[in-house]
Amino acid sequence: MAVETAKALLVFLGLAIFAAWVFINPFWGIAIFSFSAVICFIMAWAASDYSIAAQIFLFVAMALAGYYLRSEVYAQKRVAAVSTEEIQKNLNILREGLFSHRGVREALKKKINRFFKLRELMNVLSLKFEAVDIANATSEAAFEIIGKADSCYFYTVDTEKQALALAGAKYKKADDRIKNKTGDIFDHWTFKQRQALFIEDVRKDFRFDMDRGSETINNFKSLISTPLIIDEKVAGSIRLNSLRPNAFLADDLRLLDIIAGLASVSLDNSFLYTRTMELAIRDSLTGVYVHKFFKDRLAEEVARCLRGSYNASVLLLDIDFFKAYNDKYGHPAGDMVLKKVAAILTQFVHDSGDMVARYGGEEFALILANKTKSEAVDFAEGIRKAVEAETFLLRREETKVTISVGIATCQDDAKICQDLIKAADNALYKAKKAGRNCVAVK
């Protein structure tokens, strides 16, 4: 009975050892095995049946096999866990790389798009010769390329006043149109400091002493501005504004500086073109228009007269006894007389369409647009009296100069340019024959 009980107990303990060793912990398996082995040996010794010892060793072998199996399973689980973690790590790296490459691709695509727009702007500006056209084209391009602004202002410098003047602008809304055409404190800072300006939040920038409730701050919250430099001189500025704070980045300012560089080159070409045109149509000595330009303008005025009820008068005037001034005081003195008479004539030309030109030698010609013959006579008398009243200082000697004027009016005296000039010339001859220093009509 004791032997059977020992065997049953041995089977139960063997299963317990196997379960503890495999599923719980090897320590508990060894502990249970040691305890059961002692009990079984005592019972076997008491029953004088040592076959139980063989069964104990059999259970030990089973326990070792179970432990090995358990170790292999756990090892495979650990390998699988490590592999899964490594795979996940590699997937994360690949995902980050994909996002990074996608970001780089988008950034590169954006830069390429900006490059093409800059090239397009360069092509557009190469065809512009007026400052206003350049300003408007540049404002629209800067507004579109940077794409964060609510308004864009383009200023040029009035060289006579040495002040800014609004030449072009672009607005997201028509209500955002600027009221101050000469710039504000920020534009003046850019102009005087000759530096770019980057303000992330106007309300928090204390470099400028200004009223915090001013219209400027209410109209926008952030801005970038850069000067237009030509021959190391400030020729203007371009500025972008946003209603949102922190709307612009440093890269946006660098891009605006590139746009400003293109605009500066175009403005410089425009100034050169204007000066070249002025040299082509203006007399180098007196600054008034040349003979050819006078004839072109006269053709336009005559054509306008013939299209409707419109008058245009031509004045030909000659400086009386001009050769005597040259002979007595020298040619430099004669040049001074020409320049001073031209300046007086220019002061009288105010209305749109009127012009004064040097006709040849000491003769000048004027076109008075939309003036009747009687109005032209009054105008000519005013010029004659002004020249007569002027004192000319020639080689430290004060002297007087007089002029004779001949007048002809389109449609009244002639209907083609050549005949109109001939009629005015005949009237001038009439004035000289009458004793000079007078006005005559055909």
Protein backbone atom coordinates (compact mmCIF):
# COMPACT_ATOMS: atom_id res chain seq x y z
CA MET A 1 0.00 0.00 0.00
CA ALA A 2 2.85 2.36 0.86
CA VAL A 3 4.51 1.62 -2.47
CA GLU A 4 1.35 2.33 -4.45
CA THR A 5 0.83 5.54 -2.54
CA ALA A 6 4.44 6.55 -3.21
CA LYS A 7 4.04 5.86 -6.93
CA ALA A 8 0.83 7.87 -7.13
CA LEU A 9 2.46 10.67 -5.21
CA LEU A 10 5.47 10.44 -7.51
CA VAL A 11 3.29 10.78 -10.63
CA PHE A 12 1.51 13.79 -9.16
CA LEU A 13 4.74 15.40 -8.07
CA GLY A 14 6.32 14.68 -11.46
CA LEU A 15 3.53 16.50 -13.21
CA ALA A 16 3.85 19.34 -10.69
CA ILE A 17 7.61 19.49 -11.28
CA PHE A 18 7.11 19.55 -15.07
CA ALA A 19 4.46 22.27 -14.87
CA ALA A 20 6.46 24.40 -12.43
CA TRP A 21 9.66 24.02 -14.42
CA VAL A 22 8.12 24.77 -17.80
CA PHE A 23 5.44 27.35 -17.03
CA ILE A 24 6.47 29.02 -13.77
CA ASN A 25 10.18 29.09 -13.05
CA PRO A 26 13.03 26.55 -12.97
CA PHE A 27 13.69 27.43 -9.31
CA TRP A 28 10.28 26.17 -8.21
CA GLY A 29 10.70 23.04 -10.32
CA ILE A 30 14.03 22.24 -8.61
CA ALA A 31 12.55 22.96 -5.18
CA ILE A 32 9.54 20.68 -5.73
CA PHE A 33 11.73 18.01 -7.30
CA SER A 34 14.16 18.03 -4.34
CA PHE A 35 11.35 17.85 -1.80
CA SER A 36 9.52 15.05 -3.66
CA ALA A 37 12.74 13.10 -4.21
CA VAL A 38 13.47 13.06 -0.47
CA ILE A 39 9.90 11.92 0.34
CA CYS A 40 9.96 9.22 -2.34
CA PHE A 41 13.34 7.84 -1.21
CA ILE A 42 12.10 7.65 2.37
CA MET A 43 8.94 5.84 1.25
CA ALA A 44 10.96 3.51 -1.04
CA TRP A 45 13.41 2.69 1.77
CA ALA A 46 10.50 1.99 4.10
CA ALA A 47 8.87 -0.28 1.50
CA SER A 48 12.14 -1.83 0.34
CA ASP A 49 11.18 -1.01 -3.35
CA TYR A 50 13.91 0.94 -5.11
CA SER A 51 12.18 1.00 -8.51
CA ILE A 52 10.76 4.35 -7.47
CA ALA A 53 14.26 5.83 -7.73
CA ALA A 54 14.33 4.92 -11.42
CA GLN A 55 11.02 6.68 -11.91
CA ILE A 56 12.38 9.76 -10.15
CA PHE A 57 15.25 9.93 -12.62
CA LEU A 58 12.73 9.48 -15.45
CA PHE A 59 10.78 12.47 -14.20
CA VAL A 60 14.03 14.42 -13.91
CA ALA A 61 14.72 13.68 -17.59
CA MET A 62 11.20 14.78 -18.48
CA ALA A 63 11.64 17.97 -16.48
CA LEU A 64 14.95 18.73 -18.20
CA ALA A 65 13.35 18.12 -21.59
CA GLY A 66 10.49 20.43 -20.62
CA TYR A 67 12.93 23.06 -19.43
CA TYR A 68 14.84 22.85 -22.70
CA LEU A 69 11.60 23.14 -24.64
CA ARG A 70 10.56 26.10 -22.53
CA SER A 71 13.94 27.79 -23.06
CA GLU A 72 13.71 27.31 -26.83
CA VAL A 73 10.20 28.72 -26.94
CA TYR A 74 11.21 31.74 -24.85
CA ALA A 75 14.34 32.24 -26.95
CA GLN A 76 12.28 32.21 -30.14
CA LYS A 77 9.85 34.66 -28.58
CA ARG A 78 12.73 36.96 -27.64
CA VAL A 79 14.18 36.69 -31.15
CA ALA A 80 10.76 37.38 -32.61
CA ALA A 81 10.30 40.36 -30.27
CA VAL A 82 13.73 41.74 -31.17
CA SER A 83 13.05 41.18 -34.86
CA THR A 84 9.67 42.89 -34.60
CA GLU A 85 11.23 45.82 -32.76
CA GLU A 86 14.02 46.05 -35.33
CA ILE A 87 11.54 45.90 -38.18
CA GLN A 88 9.42 48.60 -36.56
CA LYS A 89 12.52 50.72 -36.02
CA ASN A 90 13.52 50.31 -39.66
CA LEU A 91 9.98 51.13 -40.73
CA ASN A 92 10.07 54.29 -38.65
CA ILE A 93 13.41 55.25 -40.18
CA LEU A 94 12.04 54.61 -43.67
CA ARG A 95 8.88 56.57 -42.87
CA GLU A 96 10.91 59.51 -41.56
CA GLY A 97 13.16 59.32 -44.60
CA LEU A 98 10.12 59.27 -46.87
CA PHE A 99 8.62 62.30 -45.14
CA SER A 100 12.00 64.03 -45.23
CA HIS A 101 12.43 63.33 -48.94
CA ARG A 102 8.88 64.44 -49.55
CA GLY A 103 9.58 67.70 -47.70
CA VAL A 104 12.81 68.19 -49.65
CA ARG A 105 10.98 67.48 -52.88
CA GLU A 106 8.23 69.98 -52.03
CA ALA A 107 10.80 72.60 -51.01
CA LEU A 108 12.77 72.00 -54.21
CA LYS A 109 9.58 72.19 -56.26
CA LYS A 110 8.70 75.49 -54.57
CA LYS A 111 12.16 76.91 -55.26
CA ILE A 112 12.02 75.85 -58.91
CA ASN A 113 8.60 77.48 -59.24
CA ARG A 114 9.95 80.68 -57.70
CA PHE A 115 12.93 80.57 -60.05
CA PHE A 116 10.68 80.40 -63.10
CA LYS A 117 8.55 83.25 -61.77
CA LEU A 118 11.67 85.34 -61.18
CA ARG A 119 12.83 84.61 -64.72
CA GLU A 120 9.40 85.59 -66.01
CA LEU A 121 9.60 88.85 -64.03
CA MET A 122 13.04 89.53 -65.49
CA ASN A 123 11.66 89.07 -69.01
CA VAL A 124 8.70 91.34 -68.28
CA LEU A 125 10.89 94.07 -66.78
CA SER A 126 13.24 93.99 -69.75
CA LEU A 127 10.36 95.31 -71.88
CA LYS A 128 9.38 98.11 -69.49
CA PHE A 129 10.77 101.62 -69.89
CA GLU A 130 8.43 103.63 -67.67
CA ALA A 131 8.93 103.74 -63.90
CA VAL A 132 5.19 103.29 -63.27
CA ASP A 133 5.05 100.15 -65.42
CA ILE A 134 8.12 98.74 -63.67
CA ALA A 135 6.62 99.49 -60.25
CA ASN A 136 3.29 97.82 -61.04
CA ALA A 137 4.88 94.74 -62.62
CA THR A 138 7.28 94.30 -59.70
CA SER A 139 4.54 94.79 -57.09
CA GLU A 140 2.35 92.13 -58.68
CA ALA A 141 5.26 89.69 -59.00
CA ALA A 142 6.42 90.16 -55.39
CA PHE A 143 2.85 89.78 -54.17
CA GLU A 144 2.42 86.51 -56.09
CA ILE A 145 5.87 84.94 -55.62
CA ILE A 146 6.12 85.42 -51.84
CA GLY A 147 2.39 84.87 -51.45
CA LYS A 148 1.95 85.89 -47.80
CA ALA A 149 1.16 89.59 -48.09
CA ASP A 150 -2.07 91.54 -48.01
CA SER A 151 -0.53 94.55 -49.76
CA CYS A 152 2.63 95.59 -51.58
CA TYR A 153 4.00 99.14 -52.01
CA PHE A 154 6.62 100.25 -54.53
CA TYR A 155 8.19 103.67 -53.96
CA THR A 156 10.57 105.67 -56.13
CA VAL A 157 12.63 108.67 -55.05
CA ASP A 158 11.66 112.15 -56.19
CA THR A 159 15.17 113.45 -56.94
CA GLU A 160 14.17 117.10 -56.67
CA LYS A 161 12.51 116.75 -53.25
CA GLN A 162 14.65 113.79 -52.12
CA ALA A 163 11.48 112.13 -50.86
CA LEU A 164 9.60 108.90 -51.55
CA ALA A 165 6.66 108.82 -53.94
CA LEU A 166 4.30 105.87 -54.43
CA ALA A 167 4.82 104.54 -57.97
CA GLY A 168 2.96 101.21 -57.84
CA ALA A 169 1.00 98.98 -55.48
CA LYS A 170 -0.85 95.67 -55.22
CA TYR A 171 -3.70 94.92 -52.81
CA LYS A 172 -5.58 91.80 -51.82
CA LYS A 173 -8.68 93.93 -51.19
CA ALA A 174 -9.61 97.25 -52.73
CA ASP A 175 -10.34 98.64 -49.24
CA ASP A 176 -6.67 98.23 -48.30
CA ARG A 177 -5.52 101.00 -50.67
CA ILE A 178 -2.89 103.22 -49.11
CA LYS A 179 -3.77 106.84 -48.37
CA ASN A 180 -0.26 108.15 -47.66
CA LYS A 181 1.52 108.40 -51.03
CA THR A 182 4.88 109.48 -49.57
CA GLY A 183 5.52 106.53 -47.24
CA ASP A 184 5.37 106.16 -43.46
CA ILE A 185 7.95 105.84 -40.69
CA PHE A 186 9.03 102.37 -41.88
CA ASP A 187 9.56 103.45 -45.50
CA HIS A 188 11.52 106.51 -44.37
CA TRP A 189 13.70 104.29 -42.17
CA THR A 190 14.50 102.01 -45.13
CA PHE A 191 15.24 105.05 -47.30
CA LYS A 192 17.53 106.78 -44.79
CA GLN A 193 19.27 103.70 -43.36
CA ARG A 194 19.71 102.06 -46.80
CA GLN A 195 18.94 98.71 -45.13
CA ALA A 196 16.30 96.01 -45.33
CA LEU A 197 13.64 95.99 -42.62
CA PHE A 198 12.05 92.87 -41.07
CA ILE A 199 9.29 93.33 -38.46
CA GLU A 200 7.56 90.21 -37.14
CA ASP A 201 5.01 92.11 -35.05
CA VAL A 202 4.60 95.88 -35.31
CA ARG A 203 2.97 96.03 -31.87
CA LYS A 204 6.06 94.50 -30.22
CA ASP A 205 8.78 96.32 -32.16
CA PHE A 206 10.04 99.23 -30.09
CA ARG A 207 12.66 100.50 -32.53
CA PHE A 208 10.17 103.05 -33.79
CA ASP A 209 8.68 105.85 -31.73
CA MET A 210 5.09 105.93 -32.90
CA ASP A 211 1.57 106.04 -31.59
CA ARG A 212 0.45 102.48 -30.80
CA GLY A 213 -3.10 103.29 -31.84
CA SER A 214 -2.10 104.76 -35.18
CA GLU A 215 -3.66 103.82 -38.49
CA THR A 216 -0.39 102.17 -39.53
CA ILE A 217 -0.57 99.51 -36.82
CA ASN A 218 -4.28 98.98 -37.35
CA ASN A 219 -3.70 98.31 -41.05
CA PHE A 220 -1.04 95.59 -40.72
CA LYS A 221 0.84 93.57 -38.13
CA SER A 222 4.06 92.46 -39.88
CA LEU A 223 6.15 93.65 -42.83
CA ILE A 224 9.33 93.20 -44.84
CA SER A 225 10.93 96.05 -46.79
CA THR A 226 14.11 96.50 -48.81
CA PRO A 227 15.67 99.48 -50.63
CA LEU A 228 16.26 99.76 -54.37
CA ILE A 229 19.93 100.62 -54.89
CA ILE A 230 21.28 102.12 -58.14
CA ASP A 231 24.93 103.22 -58.30
CA GLU A 232 25.13 103.05 -54.49
CA LYS A 233 22.19 105.44 -54.17
CA VAL A 234 18.68 104.65 -52.93
CA ALA A 235 16.30 104.90 -55.88
CA GLY A 236 13.24 103.66 -53.99
CA SER A 237 11.95 100.77 -51.90
CA ILE A 238 9.57 97.83 -52.08
CA ARG A 239 7.56 96.60 -49.12
CA LEU A 240 5.14 93.77 -48.28
CA ASN A 241 2.59 94.02 -45.46
CA SER A 242 0.46 91.39 -43.72
CA LEU A 243 -2.52 91.69 -41.41
CA ARG A 244 -1.14 88.72 -39.43
CA PRO A 245 1.84 88.88 -37.05
CA ASN A 246 4.85 86.65 -37.83
CA ALA A 247 3.64 86.19 -41.40
CA PHE A 248 7.09 86.44 -43.02
CA LEU A 249 10.35 84.50 -42.70
CA ALA A 250 13.96 85.53 -43.26
CA ASP A 251 13.86 83.62 -46.58
CA ASP A 252 10.99 85.85 -47.71
CA LEU A 253 13.11 88.94 -47.09
CA ARG A 254 16.01 87.42 -49.05
CA LEU A 255 13.64 86.68 -51.93
CA LEU A 256 12.26 90.23 -51.79
CA ASP A 257 15.84 91.51 -51.96
CA ILE A 258 16.37 89.51 -55.18
CA ILE A 259 13.18 90.98 -56.64
CA ALA A 260 14.35 94.46 -55.62
CA GLY A 261 17.64 93.82 -57.41
CA LEU A 262 15.82 92.99 -60.64
CA ALA A 263 13.64 96.09 -60.26
CA SER A 264 16.71 98.26 -59.60
CA VAL A 265 18.36 97.12 -62.83
CA SER A 266 15.15 97.78 -64.75
CA LEU A 267 14.75 101.23 -63.18
CA ASP A 268 18.34 102.08 -64.04
CA ASN A 269 17.69 101.07 -67.66
CA SER A 270 14.52 103.17 -67.59
CA PHE A 271 16.44 106.23 -66.39
CA LEU A 272 19.09 105.69 -69.06
CA TYR A 273 16.38 105.33 -71.70
CA THR A 274 14.67 108.52 -70.51
CA ARG A 275 17.94 110.45 -70.52
CA THR A 276 18.76 109.14 -73.99
CA MET A 277 15.34 110.17 -75.26
CA GLU A 278 15.75 113.58 -73.65
CA LEU A 279 19.10 114.02 -75.37
CA ALA A 280 17.46 113.08 -78.66
CA ILE A 281 14.57 115.54 -78.37
CA ARG A 282 16.05 118.37 -76.27
CA ASP A 283 18.55 121.03 -77.18
CA SER A 284 21.78 120.54 -75.24
CA LEU A 285 22.35 124.29 -74.71
CA THR A 286 18.92 125.62 -73.74
CA GLY A 287 17.15 122.46 -72.53
CA VAL A 288 14.06 123.10 -74.69
CA TYR A 289 12.89 120.72 -77.42
CA VAL A 290 14.71 120.44 -80.75
CA HIS A 291 13.39 121.45 -84.18
CA LYS A 292 12.46 117.91 -85.29
CA PHE A 293 10.42 117.17 -82.18
CA PHE A 294 8.63 120.51 -82.63
CA LYS A 295 7.59 119.54 -86.15
CA ASP A 296 6.36 116.11 -84.98
CA ARG A 297 4.27 117.67 -82.21
CA LEU A 298 2.92 120.32 -84.57
CA ALA A 299 1.74 117.59 -86.96
CA GLU A 300 -0.19 115.98 -84.09
CA GLU A 301 -1.82 119.27 -83.10
CA VAL A 302 -2.80 120.12 -86.69
CA ALA A 303 -4.35 116.66 -87.12
CA ARG A 304 -6.31 117.20 -83.90
CA CYS A 305 -7.51 120.60 -85.14
CA LEU A 306 -8.76 119.16 -88.40
CA ARG A 307 -10.75 116.45 -86.60
CA GLY A 308 -12.96 118.94 -84.77
CA SER A 309 -13.55 122.42 -83.45
CA TYR A 310 -10.10 122.80 -82.00
CA ASN A 311 -7.55 125.61 -82.29
CA ALA A 312 -3.77 125.58 -82.15
CA SER A 313 -1.45 128.54 -82.59
CA VAL A 314 2.21 128.64 -83.55
CA LEU A 315 4.59 131.34 -82.31
CA LEU A 316 7.94 132.00 -83.97
CA LEU A 317 10.15 134.46 -82.10
CA ASP A 318 13.57 135.87 -82.77
CA ILE A 319 16.03 137.62 -80.43
CA ASP A 320 16.51 141.12 -81.78
CA PHE A 321 20.06 142.01 -82.87
CA PHE A 322 21.44 138.76 -81.49
CA LYS A 323 24.53 138.93 -83.73
CA ALA A 324 25.47 142.21 -82.06
CA TYR A 325 25.62 140.51 -78.65
CA ASN A 326 27.90 137.84 -80.05
CA ASP A 327 30.16 140.40 -81.70
CA LYS A 328 30.34 142.70 -78.68
CA TYR A 329 30.43 140.25 -75.77
CA GLY A 330 31.53 137.00 -77.42
CA HIS A 331 29.81 133.70 -78.13
CA PRO A 332 29.70 132.56 -74.46
CA ALA A 333 27.65 135.67 -73.68
CA GLY A 334 25.40 134.88 -76.66
CA ASP A 335 24.88 131.36 -75.30
CA MET A 336 23.91 132.84 -71.94
CA VAL A 337 21.30 135.06 -73.63
CA LEU A 338 19.83 132.03 -75.41
CA LYS A 339 19.62 130.04 -72.18
CA LYS A 340 18.01 132.87 -70.24
CA VAL A 341 15.41 133.59 -72.93
CA ALA A 342 14.63 129.85 -73.11
CA ALA A 343 14.15 129.78 -69.32
CA ILE A 344 11.68 132.69 -69.52
CA LEU A 345 9.73 130.96 -72.29
CA THR A 346 9.61 127.72 -70.31
CA GLN A 347 8.14 129.54 -67.30
CA PHE A 348 5.19 130.63 -69.45
CA VAL A 349 4.42 127.14 -70.79
CA HIS A 350 2.03 125.53 -68.27
CA ASP A 351 -0.94 124.03 -70.10
CA SER A 352 -0.99 120.46 -71.33
CA GLY A 353 -0.05 120.27 -74.99
CA ASP A 354 1.92 123.54 -74.98
CA MET A 355 5.63 123.34 -75.76
CA VAL A 356 8.67 125.46 -76.55
CA ALA A 357 11.49 124.47 -78.92
CA ARG A 358 14.64 125.94 -80.35
CA TYR A 359 13.85 126.45 -84.01
CA GLY A 360 17.35 127.34 -85.11
CA GLY A 361 20.10 129.81 -84.17
CA GLU A 362 18.48 132.59 -82.11
CA GLU A 363 14.92 131.59 -83.10
CA PHE A 364 12.44 129.78 -80.86
CA ALA A 365 9.06 128.21 -81.67
CA LEU A 366 6.07 127.60 -79.42
CA ILE A 367 2.94 125.51 -79.84
CA LEU A 368 -0.10 126.76 -77.93
CA ALA A 369 -2.65 123.95 -77.89
CA ASN A 370 -6.33 124.87 -78.04
CA LYS A 371 -5.73 128.63 -78.07
CA THR A 372 -7.35 131.09 -80.45
CA LYS A 373 -5.43 133.80 -82.24
CA SER A 374 -6.45 136.50 -79.74
CA GLU A 375 -5.39 134.28 -76.82
CA ALA A 376 -2.10 133.60 -78.58
CA VAL A 377 -1.51 137.36 -79.03
CA ASP A 378 -2.06 137.98 -75.30
CA PHE A 379 0.28 135.11 -74.47
CA ALA A 380 2.98 136.44 -76.83
CA GLU A 381 2.70 139.95 -75.37
CA GLY A 382 3.27 138.51 -71.91
CA ILE A 383 6.45 136.77 -73.08
CA ARG A 384 7.71 139.86 -74.91
CA LYS A 385 7.23 142.06 -71.83
CA ALA A 386 8.90 139.50 -69.55
CA VAL A 387 12.00 139.34 -71.76
CA GLU A 388 12.11 143.11 -72.09
CA ALA A 389 11.89 143.54 -68.31
CA GLU A 390 14.73 141.10 -67.64
CA THR A 391 18.24 142.46 -67.07
CA PHE A 392 21.07 140.49 -68.69
CA LEU A 393 24.54 140.69 -67.17
CA LEU A 394 27.06 140.19 -69.99
CA ARG A 395 30.72 140.42 -69.07
CA ARG A 396 29.83 142.47 -65.97
CA GLU A 397 27.75 144.87 -68.01
CA GLU A 398 23.99 145.12 -67.60
CA THR A 399 22.06 145.16 -70.85
CA LYS A 400 18.55 144.61 -72.17
CA VAL A 401 17.29 142.07 -74.70
CA THR A 402 14.11 142.21 -76.77
CA ILE A 403 12.28 139.74 -78.99
CA SER A 404 10.00 139.87 -82.02
CA VAL A 405 7.10 137.40 -82.31
CA GLY A 406 5.05 136.16 -85.27
CA ILE A 407 1.78 134.25 -84.79
CA ALA A 408 -0.27 131.93 -87.01
CA THR A 409 -3.34 129.87 -86.05
CA CYS A 410 -4.43 126.53 -87.46
CA GLN A 411 -7.49 126.64 -89.72
CA ASP A 412 -7.59 130.46 -89.58
CA ASP A 413 -4.26 130.90 -91.40
CA ALA A 414 -3.40 127.42 -92.70
CA LYS A 415 -4.46 123.78 -92.52
CA ILE A 416 -1.16 121.98 -93.03
CA CYS A 417 2.03 122.18 -90.97
CA GLN A 418 4.28 123.63 -93.64
CA ASP A 419 1.85 126.43 -94.48
CA LEU A 420 1.26 127.17 -90.79
CA ILE A 421 4.99 127.58 -90.13
CA LYS A 422 5.33 129.73 -93.24
CA ALA A 423 2.46 131.95 -92.07
CA ALA A 424 4.08 132.38 -88.64
CA ASP A 425 7.42 133.15 -90.31
CA ASN A 426 5.77 135.82 -92.47
CA ALA A 427 4.22 137.33 -89.34
CA LEU A 428 7.67 137.36 -87.68
CA TYR A 429 9.13 139.17 -90.68
CA LYS A 430 6.26 141.65 -90.36
CA ALA A 431 7.14 142.26 -86.68
CA LYS A 432 10.81 142.89 -87.53
CA LYS A 433 9.85 145.23 -90.32
CA ALA A 434 7.63 147.12 -87.87
CA GLY A 435 10.67 147.97 -85.74
CA ARG A 436 11.18 144.76 -83.68
CA ASN A 437 10.23 144.21 -80.01
CA CYS A 438 6.61 143.62 -80.99
CA VAL A 439 4.04 140.92 -81.79
CA ALA A 440 2.52 140.49 -85.26
CA VAL A 441 -0.06 138.18 -86.80
CA LYS A 442 -0.54 137.15 -90.38
